[in-house]
Amino acid sequence: MQGDGAAHEATLGDSSSASGAASRAGSEVESGAESEVEVESEVEFGAGSASGAGSTSRAASASVPAQHHGEADTVAGPAAKLTALLTRVQAGDQGAFTELYDELGSRVMGLVQHILRDHAQSEEVTQEIFLEIWQQARSFEQERGSAMAWIMTRAHRRAVDRVRSSESTRTRDERIGIRDTPVDYDPVSEQAELHVEHARVQRALENISPPQREAVVLAYYAGYSQTEIAAHLSVPLGTIKTRIRDGMTRLRQELGVTS
């Protein structure tokens, strides 16, 4: 009986041991399953984080070009505004012309004054430039350049034209002034020159023949005509003409005058 009891206890012990082992094994399996679930959760969370980071990066990347595009619009804004204003001026819009003057009046004035160096003339030329813009706005072609370049080119050309015109007027006035300036008259010097010249002529007359000298004196000093000299000297008219011609030729030689 004791043997049977021991065997029974051994059997119960083995059963208890087996049951405990099975229980521990089940617990380990459940613990392992929970660990796998936690690992999978961590993987999913990591993937979600990576996906979120990628979305954030893409959003940031997308925002950068948007900011750059905005800056370009800001830079291009004034040029586009001027083009729009000038286009409206082409259609005869006076309000647009007033806005255009407000936008560029001081800048055009600065360029003109830099060239002319005269404030009053610069104001006048600036008004002429904007009048030309109003009258010739239809000649502006957007495809060939900006509105700013079109306007400033005309301003520079008009200012240079004014400089050239002013220089031409000043030169003409100087020439007229020199021409109209009275020459100082010195009667003493003039009388001295006449005396010297008269003495030279007298010496030259002494070196020609008496008939030639007589004909020349009557013609140029007494004021006789050739016919009157012929009648006065009772000499043929042809002879008088020959004497005067030969006498004047000889006088030029004596005085060193080339005919």
Protein backbone atom coordinates (compact mmCIF):
# COMPACT_ATOMS: atom_id res chain seq x y z
CA MET A 1 0.00 0.00 0.00
CA GLN A 2 2.80 2.30 0.87
CA GLY A 3 4.33 1.58 -2.51
CA ASP A 4 1.11 2.41 -4.23
CA GLY A 5 0.86 5.68 -2.25
CA ALA A 6 4.37 6.71 -3.18
CA ALA A 7 3.65 5.96 -6.78
CA HIS A 8 0.46 8.00 -6.59
CA GLU A 9 2.30 10.96 -5.04
CA ALA A 10 4.96 10.71 -7.70
CA THR A 11 2.29 10.74 -10.34
CA LEU A 12 0.64 13.78 -8.78
CA GLY A 13 4.03 15.51 -8.52
CA ASP A 14 4.79 14.84 -12.10
CA SER A 15 1.37 16.10 -13.11
CA SER A 16 1.88 19.27 -11.08
CA SER A 17 5.30 19.79 -12.59
CA ALA A 18 3.98 19.27 -16.08
CA SER A 19 1.09 21.59 -15.43
CA GLY A 20 3.45 24.29 -14.10
CA ALA A 21 5.75 23.90 -17.06
CA ALA A 22 2.85 24.15 -19.44
CA SER A 23 1.61 27.21 -17.63
CA ARG A 24 5.03 28.85 -17.80
CA ALA A 25 5.32 27.96 -21.47
CA GLY A 26 1.96 29.56 -22.20
CA SER A 27 2.97 32.67 -20.31
CA GLU A 28 6.21 32.88 -22.32
CA VAL A 29 4.28 32.47 -25.57
CA GLU A 30 1.87 35.22 -24.57
CA SER A 31 4.77 37.43 -23.49
CA GLY A 32 6.48 36.77 -26.82
CA ALA A 33 3.31 37.63 -28.69
CA GLU A 34 3.00 40.88 -26.76
CA SER A 35 6.64 41.66 -27.57
CA GLU A 36 5.96 41.07 -31.27
CA VAL A 37 2.92 43.34 -31.06
CA GLU A 38 5.04 46.03 -29.40
CA VAL A 39 7.75 45.64 -32.07
CA GLU A 40 5.17 45.92 -34.84
CA SER A 41 3.73 49.01 -33.15
CA GLU A 42 7.14 50.56 -32.98
CA VAL A 43 7.73 49.79 -36.67
CA GLU A 44 4.39 51.30 -37.63
CA PHE A 45 5.10 54.37 -35.49
CA GLY A 46 8.55 54.71 -37.07
CA ALA A 47 7.08 54.44 -40.54
CA GLY A 48 4.48 57.00 -39.65
CA SER A 49 7.14 59.32 -38.32
CA ALA A 50 9.20 58.90 -41.47
CA SER A 51 6.14 59.55 -43.60
CA GLY A 52 5.33 62.65 -41.57
CA ALA A 53 8.88 63.89 -41.85
CA GLY A 54 8.78 63.35 -45.63
CA SER A 55 5.52 65.27 -45.88
CA THR A 56 6.98 68.09 -43.80
CA SER A 57 10.09 68.16 -46.00
CA ARG A 58 7.99 68.23 -49.18
CA ALA A 59 5.83 70.99 -47.75
CA ALA A 60 8.93 73.02 -46.83
CA SER A 61 10.41 72.43 -50.27
CA ALA A 62 7.19 73.52 -51.91
CA SER A 63 7.07 76.67 -49.80
CA VAL A 64 10.57 77.81 -50.88
CA PRO A 65 9.76 78.24 -54.60
CA ALA A 66 6.56 79.98 -53.62
CA GLN A 67 8.52 82.55 -51.62
CA HIS A 68 11.01 83.01 -54.49
CA HIS A 69 8.21 83.52 -56.95
CA GLY A 70 6.73 86.16 -54.70
CA GLU A 71 10.04 88.03 -54.60
CA ALA A 72 10.24 87.94 -58.41
CA ASP A 73 6.77 89.39 -58.63
CA THR A 74 7.82 92.18 -56.28
CA VAL A 75 10.87 93.01 -58.43
CA ALA A 76 8.90 92.87 -61.66
CA GLY A 77 6.06 94.90 -60.17
CA PRO A 78 7.32 98.45 -60.96
CA ALA A 79 8.25 97.53 -64.54
CA ALA A 80 4.89 95.91 -65.11
CA LYS A 81 3.14 98.92 -63.59
CA LEU A 82 4.98 101.35 -65.88
CA THR A 83 4.17 99.22 -68.91
CA ALA A 84 0.51 99.12 -67.92
CA LEU A 85 0.43 102.90 -67.40
CA LEU A 86 2.10 103.62 -70.72
CA THR A 87 -0.30 101.24 -72.46
CA ARG A 88 -3.21 103.19 -70.98
CA VAL A 89 -1.58 106.45 -72.07
CA GLN A 90 -1.51 105.06 -75.61
CA ALA A 91 -5.29 104.89 -75.37
CA GLY A 92 -5.47 108.54 -74.28
CA ASP A 93 -5.97 107.90 -70.56
CA GLN A 94 -5.14 111.21 -68.84
CA GLY A 95 -5.33 109.66 -65.40
CA ALA A 96 -2.69 107.11 -66.37
CA PHE A 97 -0.53 109.93 -67.74
CA THR A 98 -0.76 111.74 -64.40
CA GLU A 99 0.27 108.55 -62.56
CA LEU A 100 3.15 108.04 -65.00
CA TYR A 101 4.37 111.59 -64.34
CA ASP A 102 4.16 111.00 -60.57
CA GLU A 103 6.16 107.79 -60.94
CA LEU A 104 8.96 109.09 -63.20
CA GLY A 105 8.88 112.90 -63.07
CA SER A 106 11.65 113.27 -60.51
CA ARG A 107 13.80 110.59 -62.14
CA VAL A 108 13.55 112.18 -65.59
CA MET A 109 14.29 115.59 -64.07
CA GLY A 110 17.40 114.20 -62.37
CA LEU A 111 18.76 112.77 -65.63
CA VAL A 112 18.11 116.00 -67.55
CA GLN A 113 19.67 118.20 -64.86
CA HIS A 114 22.73 115.96 -64.77
CA ILE A 115 23.27 116.71 -68.47
CA LEU A 116 22.23 120.38 -68.64
CA ARG A 117 23.54 121.59 -65.26
CA ASP A 118 20.83 124.26 -65.32
CA HIS A 119 17.72 123.94 -63.15
CA ALA A 120 15.48 126.25 -65.15
CA GLN A 121 16.33 124.62 -68.47
CA SER A 122 15.99 121.17 -66.89
CA GLU A 123 12.43 121.93 -65.79
CA GLU A 124 11.57 123.18 -69.27
CA VAL A 125 13.08 120.15 -70.99
CA THR A 126 11.34 117.76 -68.57
CA GLN A 127 7.98 119.28 -69.53
CA GLU A 128 8.87 118.88 -73.20
CA ILE A 129 9.77 115.23 -72.63
CA PHE A 130 6.45 114.36 -71.01
CA LEU A 131 4.59 116.25 -73.72
CA GLU A 132 6.44 114.11 -76.26
CA ILE A 133 5.53 110.97 -74.29
CA TRP A 134 1.87 111.94 -74.38
CA GLN A 135 1.95 112.70 -78.10
CA GLN A 136 4.06 109.73 -79.20
CA ALA A 137 3.04 107.03 -76.71
CA ARG A 138 1.66 104.93 -79.57
CA SER A 139 5.19 104.37 -80.86
CA PHE A 140 6.05 102.36 -77.72
CA GLU A 141 6.31 98.62 -78.43
CA GLN A 142 6.55 96.38 -75.38
CA GLU A 143 8.28 93.64 -77.38
CA ARG A 144 11.24 95.91 -78.15
CA GLY A 145 12.00 97.00 -74.57
CA SER A 146 10.66 98.20 -71.25
CA ALA A 147 8.64 101.35 -70.69
CA MET A 148 11.39 102.70 -68.43
CA ALA A 149 14.03 102.31 -71.16
CA TRP A 150 11.74 103.89 -73.76
CA ILE A 151 11.09 106.95 -71.61
CA MET A 152 14.64 107.48 -70.32
CA THR A 153 16.09 107.13 -73.84
CA ARG A 154 13.83 109.93 -75.04
CA ALA A 155 14.76 112.04 -72.01
CA HIS A 156 18.48 111.62 -72.65
CA ARG A 157 18.09 112.42 -76.35
CA ARG A 158 16.05 115.55 -75.65
CA ALA A 159 18.58 116.82 -73.07
CA VAL A 160 21.51 116.29 -75.45
CA ASP A 161 19.63 118.14 -78.20
CA ARG A 162 19.15 121.08 -75.85
CA VAL A 163 22.89 121.15 -75.05
CA ARG A 164 23.76 121.21 -78.75
CA SER A 165 21.18 123.89 -79.45
CA SER A 166 22.49 126.05 -76.61
CA GLU A 167 26.07 125.70 -77.82
CA SER A 168 25.05 126.60 -81.38
CA THR A 169 23.16 129.67 -80.17
CA ARG A 170 26.06 130.79 -77.99
CA THR A 171 28.53 130.39 -80.87
CA ARG A 172 26.27 132.35 -83.21
CA ASP A 173 25.85 135.14 -80.67
CA GLU A 174 29.60 135.34 -80.18
CA ARG A 175 30.15 135.66 -83.92
CA ILE A 176 27.50 138.36 -84.21
CA GLY A 177 28.98 140.18 -81.25
CA ILE A 178 32.46 140.10 -82.75
CA ARG A 179 31.11 141.30 -86.10
CA ASP A 180 29.15 144.16 -84.57
CA THR A 181 31.84 145.27 -82.14
CA PRO A 182 32.97 148.73 -83.24
CA VAL A 183 36.61 149.04 -84.15
CA ASP A 184 38.51 151.74 -82.32
CA TYR A 185 39.28 154.65 -84.66
CA ASP A 186 42.64 156.33 -84.38
CA PRO A 187 42.77 159.36 -86.70
CA VAL A 188 46.47 159.96 -86.05
CA SER A 189 47.41 156.42 -87.12
CA GLU A 190 45.16 156.61 -90.15
CA GLN A 191 46.64 159.95 -91.25
CA ALA A 192 50.13 158.58 -90.83
CA GLU A 193 49.32 155.54 -92.96
CA LEU A 194 47.75 157.76 -95.64
CA HIS A 195 50.81 160.00 -95.63
CA VAL A 196 53.15 157.05 -96.05
CA GLU A 197 51.00 155.58 -98.79
CA HIS A 198 50.79 158.96 -100.58
CA ALA A 199 54.58 159.30 -100.47
CA ARG A 200 54.99 155.87 -102.01
CA VAL A 201 52.58 156.69 -104.81
CA GLN A 202 54.37 159.98 -105.51
CA ARG A 203 57.71 158.20 -105.82
CA ALA A 204 56.15 155.59 -108.10
CA LEU A 205 54.61 158.32 -110.31
CA GLU A 206 58.03 159.89 -110.73
CA ASN A 207 59.31 156.62 -112.22
CA ILE A 208 56.79 156.48 -115.10
CA SER A 209 56.87 158.55 -118.29
CA PRO A 210 55.41 162.11 -118.20
CA PRO A 211 52.57 161.34 -120.68
CA GLN A 212 51.54 158.29 -118.61
CA ARG A 213 51.81 160.28 -115.36
CA GLU A 214 49.68 163.10 -116.78
CA ALA A 215 46.93 160.75 -117.97
CA VAL A 216 46.89 158.81 -114.67
CA VAL A 217 46.76 161.98 -112.52
CA LEU A 218 43.90 163.44 -114.57
CA ALA A 219 41.95 160.14 -114.40
CA TYR A 220 42.49 159.15 -110.71
CA TYR A 221 43.15 162.45 -108.95
CA ALA A 222 41.22 165.01 -111.00
CA GLY A 223 38.31 162.70 -111.77
CA TYR A 224 38.32 163.14 -115.55
CA SER A 225 36.86 160.50 -117.84
CA GLN A 226 39.01 159.11 -120.64
CA THR A 227 37.02 161.09 -123.25
CA GLU A 228 37.46 164.30 -121.26
CA ILE A 229 41.22 163.68 -120.95
CA ALA A 230 41.46 163.15 -124.72
CA ALA A 231 39.63 166.42 -125.38
CA HIS A 232 41.64 168.27 -122.71
CA LEU A 233 45.00 167.13 -124.12
CA SER A 234 43.85 167.10 -127.77
CA VAL A 235 45.02 163.50 -128.05
CA PRO A 236 43.12 160.59 -129.63
CA LEU A 237 41.00 158.55 -127.21
CA GLY A 238 42.86 155.35 -128.04
CA THR A 239 46.15 156.95 -127.11
CA ILE A 240 44.77 158.08 -123.73
CA LYS A 241 43.53 154.54 -122.99
CA THR A 242 46.96 153.11 -123.77
CA ARG A 243 48.75 155.69 -121.60
CA ILE A 244 46.48 155.01 -118.62
CA ARG A 245 46.77 151.23 -119.00
CA ASP A 246 50.56 151.25 -119.32
CA GLY A 247 50.93 153.83 -116.55
CA MET A 248 48.86 151.73 -114.09
CA THR A 249 50.85 148.62 -114.94
CA ARG A 250 54.10 150.44 -114.22
CA LEU A 251 52.72 151.86 -110.96
CA ARG A 252 51.75 148.38 -109.73
CA GLN A 253 55.27 147.20 -110.40
CA GLU A 254 56.76 150.16 -108.52
CA LEU A 255 54.44 149.65 -105.54
CA GLY A 256 54.85 145.86 -105.51
CA VAL A 257 51.17 145.23 -106.10
CA THR A 258 50.15 142.10 -108.01
CA SER A 259 47.11 142.37 -110.22
